Amino acid sequence: QVQLVESGGGLVQAGGSLRLSCAASGSIFSRSAIFWYRQAPGNQRELVARIYSDGSTSYVDSVKGRFTISRDNAKNTVYLQMNSLKAEDTAVYYCNTPFGALSNNWGQGTQVTVSS
């Protein structure tokens, strides 16, 4: 089973950038798909980006062209580079495996606040 810890959030002005990290433990990390989600106050958790074991990626339309998900299997880490941030990107960001998400097993997340 893969254990995940998110970091890298913070306060940034609109138009700025942040890079989130998702550090994983577990020997099967390189074979795991990792997804980034976010949840804004009063909203449901939203799937933002995915990366699969073969490196293929997908994004929700609202972040296409601004966010980039990547992985470094040697460091057991997945990154979410977020550029051109908008106020509506403000949320707690979580990473998870598909199984962890289906099991409703979530970490602490990392807060991203974009000031306009």
C-alpha atoms as a PDB file:
ATOM      1  CA  GLN A   1       0.000   0.000   0.000  1.00  0.00           C
ATOM      2  CA  VAL A   2       1.233   3.494  -0.854  1.00  0.00           C
ATOM      3  CA  GLN A   3       1.287   6.188   1.842  1.00  0.00           C
ATOM      4  CA  LEU A   4       1.215   9.791   0.580  1.00  0.00           C
ATOM      5  CA  VAL A   5       2.096  13.178   2.140  1.00  0.00           C
ATOM      6  CA  GLU A   6       1.312  16.477   0.429  1.00  0.00           C
ATOM      7  CA  SER A   7       3.358  19.666   0.775  1.00  0.00           C
ATOM      8  CA  GLY A   8       4.199  22.909  -0.978  1.00  0.00           C
ATOM      9  CA  GLY A   9       1.036  24.918  -0.530  1.00  0.00           C
ATOM     10  CA  GLY A  10       0.959  28.535   0.520  1.00  0.00           C
ATOM     11  CA  LEU A  11      -0.312  32.025  -0.168  1.00  0.00           C
ATOM     12  CA  VAL A  12       0.363  33.469  -3.598  1.00  0.00           C
ATOM     13  CA  GLN A  13      -0.935  36.391  -5.613  1.00  0.00           C
ATOM     14  CA  ALA A  14      -3.047  35.812  -8.678  1.00  0.00           C
ATOM     15  CA  GLY A  15      -0.825  35.084 -11.642  1.00  0.00           C
ATOM     16  CA  GLY A  16       1.814  33.488  -9.471  1.00  0.00           C
ATOM     17  CA  SER A  17       3.077  29.926  -9.275  1.00  0.00           C
ATOM     18  CA  LEU A  18       3.411  27.127  -6.759  1.00  0.00           C
ATOM     19  CA  ARG A  19       4.750  23.613  -6.956  1.00  0.00           C
ATOM     20  CA  LEU A  20       3.073  20.975  -4.844  1.00  0.00           C
ATOM     21  CA  SER A  21       4.781  17.747  -3.893  1.00  0.00           C
ATOM     22  CA  CYS A  22       3.302  14.358  -3.084  1.00  0.00           C
ATOM     23  CA  ALA A  23       5.861  12.182  -1.330  1.00  0.00           C
ATOM     24  CA  ALA A  24       5.118   8.489  -1.296  1.00  0.00           C
ATOM     25  CA  SER A  25       6.335   5.511   0.635  1.00  0.00           C
ATOM     26  CA  GLY A  26       5.975   1.984  -0.587  1.00  0.00           C
ATOM     27  CA  SER A  27       7.733  -0.154  -3.101  1.00  0.00           C
ATOM     28  CA  ILE A  28       4.897  -0.125  -5.597  1.00  0.00           C
ATOM     29  CA  PHE A  29       4.928   3.644  -6.120  1.00  0.00           C
ATOM     30  CA  SER A  30       6.398   3.439  -9.612  1.00  0.00           C
ATOM     31  CA  ARG A  31       3.512   1.201 -10.676  1.00  0.00           C
ATOM     32  CA  SER A  32       0.832   3.419  -9.113  1.00  0.00           C
ATOM     33  CA  ALA A  33      -1.303   6.014 -10.791  1.00  0.00           C
ATOM     34  CA  ILE A  34      -1.358   9.175  -8.678  1.00  0.00           C
ATOM     35  CA  PHE A  35      -4.125  11.749  -8.848  1.00  0.00           C
ATOM     36  CA  TRP A  36      -4.272  15.321  -7.511  1.00  0.00           C
ATOM     37  CA  TYR A  37      -7.596  16.531  -6.133  1.00  0.00           C
ATOM     38  CA  ARG A  38      -8.711  19.804  -4.576  1.00  0.00           C
ATOM     39  CA  GLN A  39     -11.541  20.867  -2.330  1.00  0.00           C
ATOM     40  CA  ALA A  40     -12.633  24.461  -1.886  1.00  0.00           C
ATOM     41  CA  PRO A  41     -14.821  25.481   1.060  1.00  0.00           C
ATOM     42  CA  GLY A  42     -18.412  24.439   0.488  1.00  0.00           C
ATOM     43  CA  ASN A  43     -17.516  22.438  -2.616  1.00  0.00           C
ATOM     44  CA  GLN A  44     -17.094  18.774  -3.339  1.00  0.00           C
ATOM     45  CA  ARG A  45     -13.633  17.360  -3.841  1.00  0.00           C
ATOM     46  CA  GLU A  46     -12.601  17.748  -7.497  1.00  0.00           C
ATOM     47  CA  LEU A  47     -10.188  15.651  -9.529  1.00  0.00           C
ATOM     48  CA  VAL A  48      -7.616  18.035 -11.015  1.00  0.00           C
ATOM     49  CA  ALA A  49      -4.875  15.971 -12.641  1.00  0.00           C
ATOM     50  CA  ARG A  50      -3.787  12.387 -13.147  1.00  0.00           C
ATOM     51  CA  ILE A  51      -0.517  10.690 -13.916  1.00  0.00           C
ATOM     52  CA  TYR A  52      -0.208   7.012 -14.687  1.00  0.00           C
ATOM     53  CA  SER A  53       2.679   4.614 -14.332  1.00  0.00           C
ATOM     54  CA  ASP A  54       3.590   5.066 -18.000  1.00  0.00           C
ATOM     55  CA  GLY A  55       3.795   8.851 -17.528  1.00  0.00           C
ATOM     56  CA  SER A  56       0.609   9.677 -19.374  1.00  0.00           C
ATOM     57  CA  THR A  57      -1.362  12.557 -17.907  1.00  0.00           C
ATOM     58  CA  SER A  58      -4.776  14.162 -17.990  1.00  0.00           C
ATOM     59  CA  TYR A  59      -6.275  17.352 -16.563  1.00  0.00           C
ATOM     60  CA  VAL A  60      -9.610  18.892 -15.769  1.00  0.00           C
ATOM     61  CA  ASP A  61     -10.428  21.569 -18.330  1.00  0.00           C
ATOM     62  CA  SER A  62     -10.149  24.440 -15.853  1.00  0.00           C
ATOM     63  CA  VAL A  63      -6.410  23.846 -15.313  1.00  0.00           C
ATOM     64  CA  LYS A  64      -5.299  22.741 -18.769  1.00  0.00           C
ATOM     65  CA  GLY A  65      -2.370  24.806 -19.965  1.00  0.00           C
ATOM     66  CA  ARG A  66      -1.672  26.127 -16.454  1.00  0.00           C
ATOM     67  CA  PHE A  67      -0.965  23.018 -14.340  1.00  0.00           C
ATOM     68  CA  THR A  68       1.539  20.268 -15.048  1.00  0.00           C
ATOM     69  CA  ILE A  69       1.692  16.972 -13.216  1.00  0.00           C
ATOM     70  CA  SER A  70       4.920  14.992 -13.239  1.00  0.00           C
ATOM     71  CA  ARG A  71       6.583  12.190 -11.345  1.00  0.00           C
ATOM     72  CA  ASP A  72      10.089  11.282 -10.242  1.00  0.00           C
ATOM     73  CA  ASN A  73      10.055   7.578  -9.452  1.00  0.00           C
ATOM     74  CA  ALA A  74      13.615   7.718  -8.105  1.00  0.00           C
ATOM     75  CA  LYS A  75      12.386  10.142  -5.436  1.00  0.00           C
ATOM     76  CA  ASN A  76       8.987   8.510  -4.986  1.00  0.00           C
ATOM     77  CA  THR A  77       7.423  11.901  -5.583  1.00  0.00           C
ATOM     78  CA  VAL A  78       4.717  13.359  -7.782  1.00  0.00           C
ATOM     79  CA  TYR A  79       4.626  17.094  -8.438  1.00  0.00           C
ATOM     80  CA  LEU A  80       1.916  19.516  -9.453  1.00  0.00           C
ATOM     81  CA  GLN A  81       3.367  22.660 -11.004  1.00  0.00           C
ATOM     82  CA  MET A  82       0.717  25.369 -10.917  1.00  0.00           C
ATOM     83  CA  ASN A  83       1.215  28.512 -12.992  1.00  0.00           C
ATOM     84  CA  SER A  84      -1.002  31.515 -13.724  1.00  0.00           C
ATOM     85  CA  LEU A  85      -2.898  30.857 -10.538  1.00  0.00           C
ATOM     86  CA  LYS A  86      -6.375  32.287 -10.127  1.00  0.00           C
ATOM     87  CA  ALA A  87      -8.483  33.014  -7.067  1.00  0.00           C
ATOM     88  CA  GLU A  88     -10.708  30.071  -7.985  1.00  0.00           C
ATOM     89  CA  ASP A  89      -7.735  27.718  -7.576  1.00  0.00           C
ATOM     90  CA  THR A  90      -7.894  28.369  -3.833  1.00  0.00           C
ATOM     91  CA  ALA A  91      -8.493  25.026  -2.133  1.00  0.00           C
ATOM     92  CA  VAL A  92      -6.947  22.268  -0.106  1.00  0.00           C
ATOM     93  CA  TYR A  93      -5.038  20.029  -2.493  1.00  0.00           C
ATOM     94  CA  TYR A  94      -4.742  16.285  -1.954  1.00  0.00           C
ATOM     95  CA  CYS A  95      -2.918  13.542  -3.767  1.00  0.00           C
ATOM     96  CA  ASN A  96      -4.111   9.973  -3.760  1.00  0.00           C
ATOM     97  CA  THR A  97      -4.063   6.681  -5.557  1.00  0.00           C
ATOM     98  CA  PRO A  98      -7.252   5.538  -7.260  1.00  0.00           C
ATOM     99  CA  PHE A  99      -7.679   2.857  -4.606  1.00  0.00           C
ATOM    100  CA  GLY A 100      -7.135   5.340  -1.778  1.00  0.00           C
ATOM    101  CA  ALA A 101      -9.710   7.684  -3.228  1.00  0.00           C
ATOM    102  CA  LEU A 102     -12.275   4.911  -3.645  1.00  0.00           C
ATOM    103  CA  SER A 103     -11.569   3.835  -0.062  1.00  0.00           C
ATOM    104  CA  ASN A 104     -12.102   7.435   1.099  1.00  0.00           C
ATOM    105  CA  ASN A 105      -8.656   7.355   2.724  1.00  0.00           C
ATOM    106  CA  TRP A 106      -7.215  10.880   2.573  1.00  0.00           C
ATOM    107  CA  GLY A 107      -4.193  12.663   3.963  1.00  0.00           C
ATOM    108  CA  GLN A 108      -3.992  16.153   5.468  1.00  0.00           C
ATOM    109  CA  GLY A 109      -3.679  17.905   2.149  1.00  0.00           C
ATOM    110  CA  THR A 110      -1.918  21.205   1.556  1.00  0.00           C
ATOM    111  CA  GLN A 111      -3.649  24.584   1.497  1.00  0.00           C
ATOM    112  CA  VAL A 112      -3.313  26.795  -1.559  1.00  0.00           C
ATOM    113  CA  THR A 113      -4.611  30.339  -1.242  1.00  0.00           C
ATOM    114  CA  VAL A 114      -4.568  32.689  -4.222  1.00  0.00           C
ATOM    115  CA  SER A 115      -5.198  36.340  -3.470  1.00  0.00           C
ATOM    116  CA  SER A 116      -6.779  38.479  -6.156  1.00  0.00           C
END
